[in-house]
PDB file of N, CA and C in Angstrom:
ATOM      1  N   MET A   1       0.965  -1.145   0.369  1.00  0.00           N
ATOM      2  CA  MET A   1      -0.230  -0.165   0.005  1.00  0.00           C
ATOM      3  C   MET A   1       0.894   1.259   0.279  1.00  0.00           C
ATOM      4  N   ARG A   2       1.706   1.434   0.621  1.00  0.00           N
ATOM      5  CA  ARG A   2       3.051   2.216   1.052  1.00  0.00           C
ATOM      6  C   ARG A   2       3.598   2.978   0.009  1.00  0.00           C
ATOM      7  N   VAL A   3       3.905   1.102  -0.479  1.00  0.00           N
ATOM      8  CA  VAL A   3       4.675   1.207  -1.923  1.00  0.00           C
ATOM      9  C   VAL A   3       3.684   2.464  -2.965  1.00  0.00           C
ATOM     10  N   GLY A   4       2.709   2.252  -3.538  1.00  0.00           N
ATOM     11  CA  GLY A   4       1.666   2.667  -4.512  1.00  0.00           C
ATOM     12  C   GLY A   4       1.732   3.842  -3.903  1.00  0.00           C
ATOM     13  N   TRP A   5       1.246   4.729  -2.523  1.00  0.00           N
ATOM     14  CA  TRP A   5       1.340   6.055  -2.586  1.00  0.00           C
ATOM     15  C   TRP A   5       2.828   6.415  -2.965  1.00  0.00           C
ATOM     16  N   ILE A   6       3.969   6.338  -2.389  1.00  0.00           N
ATOM     17  CA  ILE A   6       5.402   6.383  -2.534  1.00  0.00           C
ATOM     18  C   ILE A   6       5.367   6.199  -4.050  1.00  0.00           C
ATOM     19  N   LEU A   7       4.842   5.354  -5.091  1.00  0.00           N
ATOM     20  CA  LEU A   7       4.914   5.867  -6.642  1.00  0.00           C
ATOM     21  C   LEU A   7       4.368   6.856  -7.369  1.00  0.00           C
ATOM     22  N   LEU A   8       3.288   6.683  -6.366  1.00  0.00           N
ATOM     23  CA  LEU A   8       2.496   8.057  -7.072  1.00  0.00           C
ATOM     24  C   LEU A   8       2.557   9.235  -7.034  1.00  0.00           C
ATOM     25  N   LEU A   9       3.016   9.475  -5.672  1.00  0.00           N
ATOM     26  CA  LEU A   9       3.504  10.723  -5.309  1.00  0.00           C
ATOM     27  C   LEU A   9       5.110  10.708  -6.324  1.00  0.00           C
ATOM     28  N   LEU A  10       6.563   9.511  -5.963  1.00  0.00           N
ATOM     29  CA  LEU A  10       7.018  10.300  -7.348  1.00  0.00           C
ATOM     30  C   LEU A  10       6.872  10.181  -8.995  1.00  0.00           C
ATOM     31  N   LEU A  11       5.860   9.232  -9.338  1.00  0.00           N
ATOM     32  CA  LEU A  11       5.801   9.536 -10.567  1.00  0.00           C
ATOM     33  C   LEU A  11       4.887  11.297 -11.008  1.00  0.00           C
ATOM     34  N   LEU A  12       4.380  11.532  -9.496  1.00  0.00           N
ATOM     35  CA  LEU A  12       3.488  13.413 -10.219  1.00  0.00           C
ATOM     36  C   LEU A  12       4.947  14.664 -10.117  1.00  0.00           C
ATOM     37  N   GLY A  13       6.254  14.177  -9.216  1.00  0.00           N
ATOM     38  CA  GLY A  13       7.263  15.099  -9.246  1.00  0.00           C
ATOM     39  C   GLY A  13       7.753  14.528 -10.902  1.00  0.00           C
ATOM     40  N   ILE A  14       7.082  13.431 -11.639  1.00  0.00           N
ATOM     41  CA  ILE A  14       8.461  13.720 -13.115  1.00  0.00           C
ATOM     42  C   ILE A  14       8.033  14.617 -14.037  1.00  0.00           C
ATOM     43  N   PRO A  15       6.873  14.833 -14.627  1.00  0.00           N
ATOM     44  CA  PRO A  15       5.896  14.887 -15.715  1.00  0.00           C
ATOM     45  C   PRO A  15       6.558  16.874 -16.133  1.00  0.00           C
ATOM     46  N   THR A  16       7.362  17.404 -15.064  1.00  0.00           N
ATOM     47  CA  THR A  16       8.401  18.116 -15.808  1.00  0.00           C
ATOM     48  C   THR A  16       9.453  17.797 -16.970  1.00  0.00           C
ATOM     49  N   LEU A  17      10.444  17.308 -15.820  1.00  0.00           N
ATOM     50  CA  LEU A  17      11.403  16.441 -16.297  1.00  0.00           C
ATOM     51  C   LEU A  17      12.234  15.572 -17.356  1.00  0.00           C
ATOM     52  N   ALA A  18      10.443  14.492 -17.685  1.00  0.00           N
ATOM     53  CA  ALA A  18       9.868  13.728 -18.408  1.00  0.00           C
ATOM     54  C   ALA A  18       9.753  15.140 -19.397  1.00  0.00           C
ATOM     55  N   CYS A  19       9.040  15.401 -19.655  1.00  0.00           N
ATOM     56  CA  CYS A  19       8.040  16.058 -20.370  1.00  0.00           C
ATOM     57  C   CYS A  19       9.224  17.463 -21.055  1.00  0.00           C
ATOM     58  N   SER A  20      10.082  17.804 -20.527  1.00  0.00           N
ATOM     59  CA  SER A  20      10.936  18.148 -21.503  1.00  0.00           C
ATOM     60  C   SER A  20      12.277  17.833 -21.918  1.00  0.00           C
ATOM     61  N   ALA A  21      12.802  17.085 -21.290  1.00  0.00           N
ATOM     62  CA  ALA A  21      13.832  15.978 -21.979  1.00  0.00           C
ATOM     63  C   ALA A  21      13.628  15.814 -23.558  1.00  0.00           C
ATOM     64  N   GLY A  22      14.248  16.796 -24.378  1.00  0.00           N
ATOM     65  CA  GLY A  22      14.319  16.065 -25.886  1.00  0.00           C
ATOM     66  C   GLY A  22      14.974  14.439 -26.192  1.00  0.00           C
ATOM     67  N   PRO A  23      14.744  13.775 -26.909  1.00  0.00           N
ATOM     68  CA  PRO A  23      15.432  12.876 -27.412  1.00  0.00           C
ATOM     69  C   PRO A  23      17.016  12.477 -26.898  1.00  0.00           C
ATOM     70  N   ASP A  24      17.645  13.095 -27.636  1.00  0.00           N
ATOM     71  CA  ASP A  24      19.132  13.111 -27.072  1.00  0.00           C
ATOM     72  C   ASP A  24      19.161  13.821 -25.465  1.00  0.00           C
ATOM     73  N   ASP A  25      18.749  14.194 -24.870  1.00  0.00           N
ATOM     74  CA  ASP A  25      19.027  15.235 -24.319  1.00  0.00           C
ATOM     75  C   ASP A  25      18.665  14.243 -22.527  1.00  0.00           C
ATOM     76  N   ARG A  26      20.273  14.136 -22.349  1.00  0.00           N
ATOM     77  CA  ARG A  26      19.542  13.519 -21.375  1.00  0.00           C
ATOM     78  C   ARG A  26      20.164  13.546 -19.622  1.00  0.00           C
ATOM     79  N   ALA A  27      20.241  14.325 -19.758  1.00  0.00           N
ATOM     80  CA  ALA A  27      21.003  15.562 -19.165  1.00  0.00           C
ATOM     81  C   ALA A  27      19.452  16.050 -17.945  1.00  0.00           C
ATOM     82  N   MET A  28      18.671  15.536 -18.349  1.00  0.00           N
ATOM     83  CA  MET A  28      17.420  16.043 -18.211  1.00  0.00           C
ATOM     84  C   MET A  28      16.748  14.047 -17.402  1.00  0.00           C
ATOM     85  N   ALA A  29      17.403  13.984 -17.635  1.00  0.00           N
ATOM     86  CA  ALA A  29      16.701  11.706 -17.227  1.00  0.00           C
ATOM     87  C   ALA A  29      16.221  12.721 -15.429  1.00  0.00           C
ATOM     88  N   PRO A  30      15.144  11.309 -15.480  1.00  0.00           N
ATOM     89  CA  PRO A  30      15.245  11.161 -13.916  1.00  0.00           C
ATOM     90  C   PRO A  30      16.007  10.596 -13.362  1.00  0.00           C
ATOM     91  N   PRO A  31      16.564  10.341 -11.958  1.00  0.00           N
ATOM     92  CA  PRO A  31      17.462  10.176 -11.082  1.00  0.00           C
ATOM     93  C   PRO A  31      16.795   8.599 -11.274  1.00  0.00           C
ATOM     94  N   ASP A  32      17.946   7.409 -11.020  1.00  0.00           N
ATOM     95  CA  ASP A  32      18.004   5.928 -10.909  1.00  0.00           C
ATOM     96  C   ASP A  32      16.537   6.042 -10.176  1.00  0.00           C
ATOM     97  N   SER A  33      16.326   6.462  -8.576  1.00  0.00           N
ATOM     98  CA  SER A  33      15.184   6.121  -8.302  1.00  0.00           C
ATOM     99  C   SER A  33      13.851   6.345  -8.347  1.00  0.00           C
ATOM    100  N   LEU A  34      13.363   7.738  -9.564  1.00  0.00           N
ATOM    101  CA  LEU A  34      12.553   7.640 -10.139  1.00  0.00           C
ATOM    102  C   LEU A  34      13.127   6.934 -11.503  1.00  0.00           C
ATOM    103  N   ALA A  35      13.879   6.393 -11.433  1.00  0.00           N
ATOM    104  CA  ALA A  35      13.581   6.053 -12.654  1.00  0.00           C
ATOM    105  C   ALA A  35      13.319   4.115 -13.020  1.00  0.00           C
ATOM    106  N   ASN A  36      13.532   3.799 -11.521  1.00  0.00           N
ATOM    107  CA  ASN A  36      13.048   2.728 -11.234  1.00  0.00           C
ATOM    108  C   ASN A  36      11.894   2.578 -11.097  1.00  0.00           C
ATOM    109  N   ALA A  37      11.400   2.884 -10.745  1.00  0.00           N
ATOM    110  CA  ALA A  37       9.934   3.046 -10.027  1.00  0.00           C
ATOM    111  C   ALA A  37       8.958   3.494 -11.634  1.00  0.00           C
ATOM    112  N   THR A  38       9.543   4.202 -12.461  1.00  0.00           N
ATOM    113  CA  THR A  38       8.404   4.165 -14.354  1.00  0.00           C
ATOM    114  C   THR A  38       9.724   3.163 -15.102  1.00  0.00           C
ATOM    115  N   ALA A  39       9.777   1.904 -14.596  1.00  0.00           N
ATOM    116  CA  ALA A  39      10.595   0.606 -15.515  1.00  0.00           C
ATOM    117  C   ALA A  39       9.409   0.000 -16.614  1.00  0.00           C
ATOM    118  N   VAL A  40       8.202   0.525 -16.120  1.00  0.00           N
ATOM    119  CA  VAL A  40       7.467  -0.021 -16.919  1.00  0.00           C
ATOM    120  C   VAL A  40       7.150   0.704 -18.200  1.00  0.00           C
ATOM    121  N   ALA A  41       7.586   2.019 -17.989  1.00  0.00           N
ATOM    122  CA  ALA A  41       6.817   2.903 -19.097  1.00  0.00           C
ATOM    123  C   ALA A  41       8.495   2.618 -20.163  1.00  0.00           C
ATOM    124  N   ALA A  42       9.425   2.480 -19.532  1.00  0.00           N
ATOM    125  CA  ALA A  42      10.357   2.274 -21.229  1.00  0.00           C
ATOM    126  C   ALA A  42      11.557   0.950 -20.381  1.00  0.00           C
ATOM    127  N   SER A  43      12.254   0.345 -21.678  1.00  0.00           N
ATOM    128  CA  SER A  43      12.964  -0.620 -21.107  1.00  0.00           C
ATOM    129  C   SER A  43      14.557   0.008 -20.479  1.00  0.00           C
ATOM    130  N   ASP A  44      14.767   0.885 -21.069  1.00  0.00           N
ATOM    131  CA  ASP A  44      16.056   1.029 -20.530  1.00  0.00           C
ATOM    132  C   ASP A  44      16.320   2.913 -19.175  1.00  0.00           C
ATOM    133  N   ASN A  45      14.660   1.993 -18.530  1.00  0.00           N
ATOM    134  CA  ASN A  45      14.478   2.977 -17.486  1.00  0.00           C
ATOM    135  C   ASN A  45      14.680   4.889 -17.964  1.00  0.00           C
ATOM    136  N   THR A  46      14.375   4.849 -18.492  1.00  0.00           N
ATOM    137  CA  THR A  46      14.335   6.342 -18.694  1.00  0.00           C
ATOM    138  C   THR A  46      12.781   6.442 -19.815  1.00  0.00           C
ATOM    139  N   LEU A  47      12.056   8.214 -19.265  1.00  0.00           N
ATOM    140  CA  LEU A  47      10.866   7.943 -20.019  1.00  0.00           C
ATOM    141  C   LEU A  47      10.378   7.972 -21.865  1.00  0.00           C
ATOM    142  N   LYS A  48      10.027   7.374 -22.525  1.00  0.00           N
ATOM    143  CA  LYS A  48      10.244   8.011 -23.805  1.00  0.00           C
ATOM    144  C   LYS A  48       9.609   9.322 -24.064  1.00  0.00           C
ATOM    145  N   ASN A  49       7.617   9.724 -23.552  1.00  0.00           N
ATOM    146  CA  ASN A  49       6.982  10.799 -24.117  1.00  0.00           C
ATOM    147  C   ASN A  49       6.562  10.964 -22.154  1.00  0.00           C
ATOM    148  N   CYS A  50       5.518  12.001 -22.600  1.00  0.00           N
ATOM    149  CA  CYS A  50       5.023  11.964 -21.774  1.00  0.00           C
ATOM    150  C   CYS A  50       3.332  11.317 -21.766  1.00  0.00           C
ATOM    151  N   GLN A  51       3.751  10.290 -22.861  1.00  0.00           N
ATOM    152  CA  GLN A  51       2.238   9.067 -23.092  1.00  0.00           C
ATOM    153  C   GLN A  51       2.659   8.251 -21.972  1.00  0.00           C
ATOM    154  N   ASP A  52       4.067   8.080 -22.107  1.00  0.00           N
ATOM    155  CA  ASP A  52       4.352   6.503 -20.681  1.00  0.00           C
ATOM    156  C   ASP A  52       4.309   6.912 -19.883  1.00  0.00           C
ATOM    157  N   LEU A  53       4.392   8.206 -19.324  1.00  0.00           N
ATOM    158  CA  LEU A  53       4.800   8.962 -17.692  1.00  0.00           C
ATOM    159  C   LEU A  53       2.624   9.004 -17.585  1.00  0.00           C
ATOM    160  N   ALA A  54       1.709   8.767 -19.019  1.00  0.00           N
ATOM    161  CA  ALA A  54       0.106   9.068 -18.163  1.00  0.00           C
ATOM    162  C   ALA A  54      -0.539   7.446 -18.161  1.00  0.00           C
ATOM    163  N   ALA A  55       0.261   7.152 -19.350  1.00  0.00           N
ATOM    164  CA  ALA A  55      -0.069   5.646 -18.756  1.00  0.00           C
ATOM    165  C   ALA A  55       0.672   4.832 -17.528  1.00  0.00           C
ATOM    166  N   VAL A  56       2.039   5.220 -17.049  1.00  0.00           N
ATOM    167  CA  VAL A  56       2.188   4.979 -15.781  1.00  0.00           C
ATOM    168  C   VAL A  56       1.399   5.675 -14.592  1.00  0.00           C
ATOM    169  N   ILE A  57       0.817   6.942 -14.537  1.00  0.00           N
ATOM    170  CA  ILE A  57      -0.005   7.387 -13.709  1.00  0.00           C
ATOM    171  C   ILE A  57      -1.146   6.094 -13.591  1.00  0.00           C
ATOM    172  N   ARG A  58      -1.879   6.280 -14.846  1.00  0.00           N
ATOM    173  CA  ARG A  58      -3.616   5.579 -14.980  1.00  0.00           C
ATOM    174  C   ARG A  58      -3.249   4.298 -14.020  1.00  0.00           C
ATOM    175  N   GLU A  59      -1.951   3.416 -14.418  1.00  0.00           N
ATOM    176  CA  GLU A  59      -1.734   1.835 -14.446  1.00  0.00           C
ATOM    177  C   GLU A  59      -1.396   2.297 -12.177  1.00  0.00           C
ATOM    178  N   SER A  60      -1.112   3.428 -11.826  1.00  0.00           N
ATOM    179  CA  SER A  60      -0.791   3.514 -10.639  1.00  0.00           C
ATOM    180  C   SER A  60      -2.334   4.147 -10.128  1.00  0.00           C
ATOM    181  N   GLN A  61      -2.314   4.765 -10.208  1.00  0.00           N
ATOM    182  CA  GLN A  61      -4.341   5.574  -9.925  1.00  0.00           C
ATOM    183  C   GLN A  61      -5.209   3.987  -9.757  1.00  0.00           C
ATOM    184  N   VAL A  62      -4.858   3.385 -10.709  1.00  0.00           N
ATOM    185  CA  VAL A  62      -5.959   2.127 -11.153  1.00  0.00           C
ATOM    186  C   VAL A  62      -5.712   1.724 -10.177  1.00  0.00           C
ATOM    187  N   ALA A  63      -4.007   0.412  -9.594  1.00  0.00           N
ATOM    188  CA  ALA A  63      -3.950  -0.129  -8.674  1.00  0.00           C
ATOM    189  C   ALA A  63      -4.388   0.639  -7.015  1.00  0.00           C
ATOM    190  N   THR A  64      -3.767   2.135  -7.187  1.00  0.00           N
ATOM    191  CA  THR A  64      -4.457   2.469  -5.534  1.00  0.00           C
ATOM    192  C   THR A  64      -6.076   3.615  -5.693  1.00  0.00           C
ATOM    193  N   SER A  65      -6.714   3.089  -6.535  1.00  0.00           N
ATOM    194  CA  SER A  65      -8.722   2.889  -6.050  1.00  0.00           C
ATOM    195  C   SER A  65      -8.324   1.495  -5.750  1.00  0.00           C
ATOM    196  N   ARG A  66      -7.634   0.692  -6.108  1.00  0.00           N
ATOM    197  CA  ARG A  66      -8.487  -0.774  -5.588  1.00  0.00           C
ATOM    198  C   ARG A  66      -7.832  -1.117  -4.417  1.00  0.00           C
ATOM    199  N   ASP A  67      -6.827  -0.625  -4.016  1.00  0.00           N
ATOM    200  CA  ASP A  67      -6.536  -0.691  -2.575  1.00  0.00           C
ATOM    201  C   ASP A  67      -7.413  -0.768  -1.863  1.00  0.00           C
ATOM    202  N   LEU A  68      -8.202   1.037  -2.159  1.00  0.00           N
ATOM    203  CA  LEU A  68      -8.589   2.243  -1.786  1.00  0.00           C
ATOM    204  C   LEU A  68      -9.992   1.319  -1.330  1.00  0.00           C
ATOM    205  N   ARG A  69     -10.696   0.501  -2.484  1.00  0.00           N
ATOM    206  CA  ARG A  69     -11.850  -0.165  -2.372  1.00  0.00           C
ATOM    207  C   ARG A  69     -11.620  -0.554  -1.192  1.00  0.00           C
ATOM    208  N   GLN A  70     -10.750  -1.359  -1.716  1.00  0.00           N
ATOM    209  CA  GLN A  70     -10.398  -3.119  -0.489  1.00  0.00           C
ATOM    210  C   GLN A  70     -10.549  -2.105   0.776  1.00  0.00           C
ATOM    211  N   ILE A  71      -9.354  -1.293   1.276  1.00  0.00           N
ATOM    212  CA  ILE A  71      -9.860  -1.631   2.797  1.00  0.00           C
ATOM    213  C   ILE A  71     -10.688  -0.848   3.064  1.00  0.00           C
ATOM    214  N   LYS A  72     -11.093   0.299   2.027  1.00  0.00           N
ATOM    215  CA  LYS A  72     -12.860   1.101   3.272  1.00  0.00           C
ATOM    216  C   LYS A  72     -13.574  -0.399   3.043  1.00  0.00           C
ATOM    217  N   GLY A  73     -13.464  -1.447   2.482  1.00  0.00           N
ATOM    218  CA  GLY A  73     -14.472  -3.013   3.132  1.00  0.00           C
ATOM    219  C   GLY A  73     -14.289  -3.597   3.520  1.00  0.00           C
ATOM    220  N   ASP A  74     -13.062  -3.169   4.268  1.00  0.00           N
ATOM    221  CA  ASP A  74     -12.104  -3.670   5.398  1.00  0.00           C
ATOM    222  C   ASP A  74     -12.514  -3.010   5.894  1.00  0.00           C
ATOM    223  N   LEU A  75     -12.532  -1.392   6.184  1.00  0.00           N
ATOM    224  CA  LEU A  75     -13.093  -0.755   7.317  1.00  0.00           C
ATOM    225  C   LEU A  75     -15.202  -1.022   7.889  1.00  0.00           C
ATOM    226  N   ALA A  76     -15.365  -1.136   6.696  1.00  0.00           N
ATOM    227  CA  ALA A  76     -16.551  -0.820   6.840  1.00  0.00           C
ATOM    228  C   ALA A  76     -17.498  -3.232   8.288  1.00  0.00           C
ATOM    229  N   ARG A  77     -16.724  -3.371   7.525  1.00  0.00           N
ATOM    230  CA  ARG A  77     -17.079  -4.839   8.086  1.00  0.00           C
ATOM    231  C   ARG A  77     -16.065  -4.731   9.520  1.00  0.00           C
ATOM    232  N   LEU A  78     -15.047  -4.331   9.509  1.00  0.00           N
ATOM    233  CA  LEU A  78     -14.540  -4.084  11.139  1.00  0.00           C
ATOM    234  C   LEU A  78     -15.635  -3.099  12.112  1.00  0.00           C
ATOM    235  N   GLN A  79     -16.067  -2.161  10.939  1.00  0.00           N
ATOM    236  CA  GLN A  79     -17.378  -1.457  12.397  1.00  0.00           C
ATOM    237  C   GLN A  79     -17.969  -1.582  12.028  1.00  0.00           C
ATOM    238  N   LEU A  80     -18.833  -2.678  11.034  1.00  0.00           N
ATOM    239  CA  LEU A  80     -20.069  -3.955  11.695  1.00  0.00           C
ATOM    240  C   LEU A  80     -19.494  -4.379  12.695  1.00  0.00           C
ATOM    241  N   LYS A  81     -18.943  -5.123  12.755  1.00  0.00           N
ATOM    242  CA  LYS A  81     -18.115  -5.920  13.765  1.00  0.00           C
ATOM    243  C   LYS A  81     -18.048  -5.495  15.143  1.00  0.00           C
ATOM    244  N   LEU A  82     -17.838  -4.119  14.979  1.00  0.00           N
ATOM    245  CA  LEU A  82     -17.505  -3.560  16.641  1.00  0.00           C
ATOM    246  C   LEU A  82     -18.773  -3.344  16.569  1.00  0.00           C
ATOM    247  N   ASP A  83     -20.038  -3.237  16.181  1.00  0.00           N
ATOM    248  CA  ASP A  83     -21.144  -2.488  16.765  1.00  0.00           C
ATOM    249  C   ASP A  83     -21.812  -3.531  17.457  1.00  0.00           C
ATOM    250  N   GLU A  84     -21.342  -4.444  17.119  1.00  0.00           N
ATOM    251  CA  GLU A  84     -22.498  -6.165  17.253  1.00  0.00           C
ATOM    252  C   GLU A  84     -22.019  -6.478  18.865  1.00  0.00           C
ATOM    253  N   PRO A  85     -23.542  -6.338  19.871  1.00  0.00           N
ATOM    254  CA  PRO A  85     -22.817  -6.433  20.856  1.00  0.00           C
ATOM    255  C   PRO A  85     -21.867  -7.606  21.566  1.00  0.00           C
ATOM    256  N   GLY A  86     -20.827  -7.603  22.860  1.00  0.00           N
ATOM    257  CA  GLY A  86     -20.387  -8.313  22.606  1.00  0.00           C
ATOM    258  C   GLY A  86     -21.044  -9.972  23.915  1.00  0.00           C
ATOM    259  N   LEU A  87     -19.996 -10.555  24.331  1.00  0.00           N
ATOM    260  CA  LEU A  87     -20.927 -11.123  25.170  1.00  0.00           C
ATOM    261  C   LEU A  87     -20.879 -10.524  26.944  1.00  0.00           C
ATOM    262  N   GLY A  88     -19.411  -9.568  27.076  1.00  0.00           N
ATOM    263  CA  GLY A  88     -20.028  -8.218  28.391  1.00  0.00           C
ATOM    264  C   GLY A  88     -20.933  -7.550  28.428  1.00  0.00           C
ATOM    265  N   GLN A  89     -21.709  -7.157  26.973  1.00  0.00           N
ATOM    266  CA  GLN A  89     -22.424  -6.752  26.849  1.00  0.00           C
ATOM    267  C   GLN A  89     -23.736  -6.669  27.417  1.00  0.00           C
ATOM    268  N   ILE A  90     -24.601  -7.875  26.410  1.00  0.00           N
ATOM    269  CA  ILE A  90     -24.539  -8.601  26.864  1.00  0.00           C
ATOM    270  C   ILE A  90     -24.864  -8.928  28.259  1.00  0.00           C
ATOM    271  N   VAL A  91     -24.010  -9.674  29.301  1.00  0.00           N
ATOM    272  CA  VAL A  91     -23.891  -9.993  30.930  1.00  0.00           C
ATOM    273  C   VAL A  91     -24.908  -8.784  31.474  1.00  0.00           C
ATOM    274  N   ALA A  92     -23.946  -7.483  31.108  1.00  0.00           N
ATOM    275  CA  ALA A  92     -24.763  -5.985  32.089  1.00  0.00           C
ATOM    276  C   ALA A  92     -25.984  -5.757  31.551  1.00  0.00           C
ATOM    277  N   GLY A  93     -26.217  -6.641  30.508  1.00  0.00           N
ATOM    278  CA  GLY A  93     -27.889  -5.673  30.241  1.00  0.00           C
ATOM    279  C   GLY A  93     -28.740  -6.570  30.823  1.00  0.00           C
ATOM    280  N   ILE A  94     -28.333  -8.094  30.866  1.00  0.00           N
ATOM    281  CA  ILE A  94     -28.925  -8.984  31.875  1.00  0.00           C
ATOM    282  C   ILE A  94     -28.886  -7.894  33.394  1.00  0.00           C
ATOM    283  N   GLY A  95     -27.935  -8.137  34.211  1.00  0.00           N
ATOM    284  CA  GLY A  95     -27.948  -7.679  35.517  1.00  0.00           C
ATOM    285  C   GLY A  95     -28.639  -6.753  35.945  1.00  0.00           C
ATOM    286  N   TYR A  96     -28.264  -5.625  34.480  1.00  0.00           N
ATOM    287  CA  TYR A  96     -28.972  -4.017  35.135  1.00  0.00           C
ATOM    288  C   TYR A  96     -30.555  -4.336  34.839  1.00  0.00           C
ATOM    289  N   ILE A  97     -30.846  -5.378  34.044  1.00  0.00           N
ATOM    290  CA  ILE A  97     -32.392  -6.088  33.847  1.00  0.00           C
ATOM    291  C   ILE A  97     -32.681  -6.701  35.418  1.00  0.00           C
ATOM    292  N   PHE A  98     -31.934  -7.221  36.334  1.00  0.00           N
ATOM    293  CA  PHE A  98     -32.348  -7.860  37.322  1.00  0.00           C
ATOM    294  C   PHE A  98     -32.168  -7.181  38.596  1.00  0.00           C
ATOM    295  N   GLY A  99     -31.370  -6.246  38.286  1.00  0.00           N
ATOM    296  CA  GLY A  99     -30.838  -4.509  39.014  1.00  0.00           C
ATOM    297  C   GLY A  99     -32.180  -4.142  38.963  1.00  0.00           C
ATOM    298  N   LEU A 100     -32.972  -3.567  37.888  1.00  0.00           N
ATOM    299  CA  LEU A 100     -34.215  -2.783  38.563  1.00  0.00           C
ATOM    300  C   LEU A 100     -35.251  -3.741  39.341  1.00  0.00           C
ATOM    301  N   PHE A 101     -35.405  -5.164  38.836  1.00  0.00           N
ATOM    302  CA  PHE A 101     -36.365  -6.165  39.244  1.00  0.00           C
ATOM    303  C   PHE A 101     -36.078  -6.564  40.728  1.00  0.00           C
ATOM    304  N   GLY A 102     -34.869  -5.847  41.124  1.00  0.00           N
ATOM    305  CA  GLY A 102     -34.804  -6.503  42.718  1.00  0.00           C
ATOM    306  C   GLY A 102     -34.864  -5.091  43.536  1.00  0.00           C
ATOM    307  N   VAL A 103     -34.674  -3.480  42.873  1.00  0.00           N
ATOM    308  CA  VAL A 103     -34.786  -2.396  43.227  1.00  0.00           C
ATOM    309  C   VAL A 103     -36.382  -2.658  43.736  1.00  0.00           C
ATOM    310  N   ALA A 104     -36.991  -2.462  42.039  1.00  0.00           N
ATOM    311  CA  ALA A 104     -38.736  -2.642  42.385  1.00  0.00           C
ATOM    312  C   ALA A 104     -39.125  -4.264  43.456  1.00  0.00           C
ATOM    313  N   ALA A 105     -38.387  -4.924  43.590  1.00  0.00           N
ATOM    314  CA  ALA A 105     -38.779  -5.803  44.841  1.00  0.00           C
ATOM    315  C   ALA A 105     -39.045  -5.531  46.104  1.00  0.00           C
ATOM    316  N   PHE A 106     -37.430  -4.320  46.234  1.00  0.00           N
ATOM    317  CA  PHE A 106     -37.306  -3.998  47.165  1.00  0.00           C
ATOM    318  C   PHE A 106     -38.354  -3.011  47.849  1.00  0.00           C
ATOM    319  N   VAL A 107     -38.340  -2.493  46.797  1.00  0.00           N
ATOM    320  CA  VAL A 107     -39.355  -0.880  46.833  1.00  0.00           C
ATOM    321  C   VAL A 107     -41.068  -1.561  47.497  1.00  0.00           C
ATOM    322  N   ALA A 108     -41.665  -2.734  47.030  1.00  0.00           N
ATOM    323  CA  ALA A 108     -42.755  -3.615  47.355  1.00  0.00           C
ATOM    324  C   ALA A 108     -42.633  -4.018  47.984  1.00  0.00           C
ATOM    325  N   SER A 109     -41.280  -4.891  48.773  1.00  0.00           N
ATOM    326  CA  SER A 109     -41.018  -4.881  50.201  1.00  0.00           C
ATOM    327  C   SER A 109     -41.558  -4.126  51.341  1.00  0.00           C
ATOM    328  N   ARG A 110     -40.863  -3.849  50.969  1.00  0.00           N
ATOM    329  CA  ARG A 110     -41.052  -2.040  52.077  1.00  0.00           C
ATOM    330  C   ARG A 110     -42.479  -1.616  51.995  1.00  0.00           C
ATOM    331  N   LYS A 111     -43.449  -1.248  50.963  1.00  0.00           N
ATOM    332  CA  LYS A 111     -44.833  -1.047  50.954  1.00  0.00           C
ATOM    333  C   LYS A 111     -45.412  -1.927  51.795  1.00  0.00           C
ATOM    334  N   ASN A 112     -45.756  -3.448  51.612  1.00  0.00           N
ATOM    335  CA  ASN A 112     -45.702  -4.573  52.288  1.00  0.00           C
ATOM    336  C   ASN A 112     -45.860  -4.365  53.772  1.00  0.00           C
ATOM    337  N   GLN A 113     -44.045  -4.346  54.161  1.00  0.00           N
ATOM    338  CA  GLN A 113     -44.206  -3.909  55.131  1.00  0.00           C
ATOM    339  C   GLN A 113     -44.476  -3.036  56.150  1.00  0.00           C
ATOM    340  N   GLY A 114     -44.775  -1.708  55.607  1.00  0.00           N
ATOM    341  CA  GLY A 114     -45.420  -0.666  56.211  1.00  0.00           C
ATOM    342  C   GLY A 114     -47.336  -0.840  56.926  1.00  0.00           C
ATOM    343  N   LYS A 115     -47.847  -2.363  55.428  1.00  0.00           N
ATOM    344  CA  LYS A 115     -48.474  -2.049  56.114  1.00  0.00           C
ATOM    345  C   LYS A 115     -49.175  -3.792  57.290  1.00  0.00           C
ATOM    346  N   GLU A 116     -48.060  -3.860  57.608  1.00  0.00           N
ATOM    347  CA  GLU A 116     -47.582  -4.759  58.966  1.00  0.00           C
ATOM    348  C   GLU A 116     -48.186  -4.122  59.919  1.00  0.00           C
TER     349      GLU A 116
END
C-alpha cells in the first residue's frame, strides 16, 4: 500500500523532467530511484515521452483506487463487527434488568412491611 502511494508521489514529480527532455537530452533524465519506479514505461529506465508517463500514472491510479476500495470494505466490515454487542455487553444488560427488578422488589417489600 505504501509502495503505491510512494510510486504515485514520485511519478507526480516527474512530468516536467520527462516532458522537457528531448530525445537526445540525457541531462534532464530522472534520477535512478525515479527511473526504477517508472521501469514499466520504458525498457532503458528512462521515459520515452509524456504518454508513457501518463500510462504509468493511470496504472498507479487504478491500483491505488483498487487498494482504497479494499481498505474501505475492510473498514466497513470492522465497523459492523465493532457495532455488534459482545458477551460483556449482553451480561451487563441482563444484570441491569435483574437490578431493576431487585429495586422494584425491594420497594414493594418496603410498602408491604409498612402495612403490617
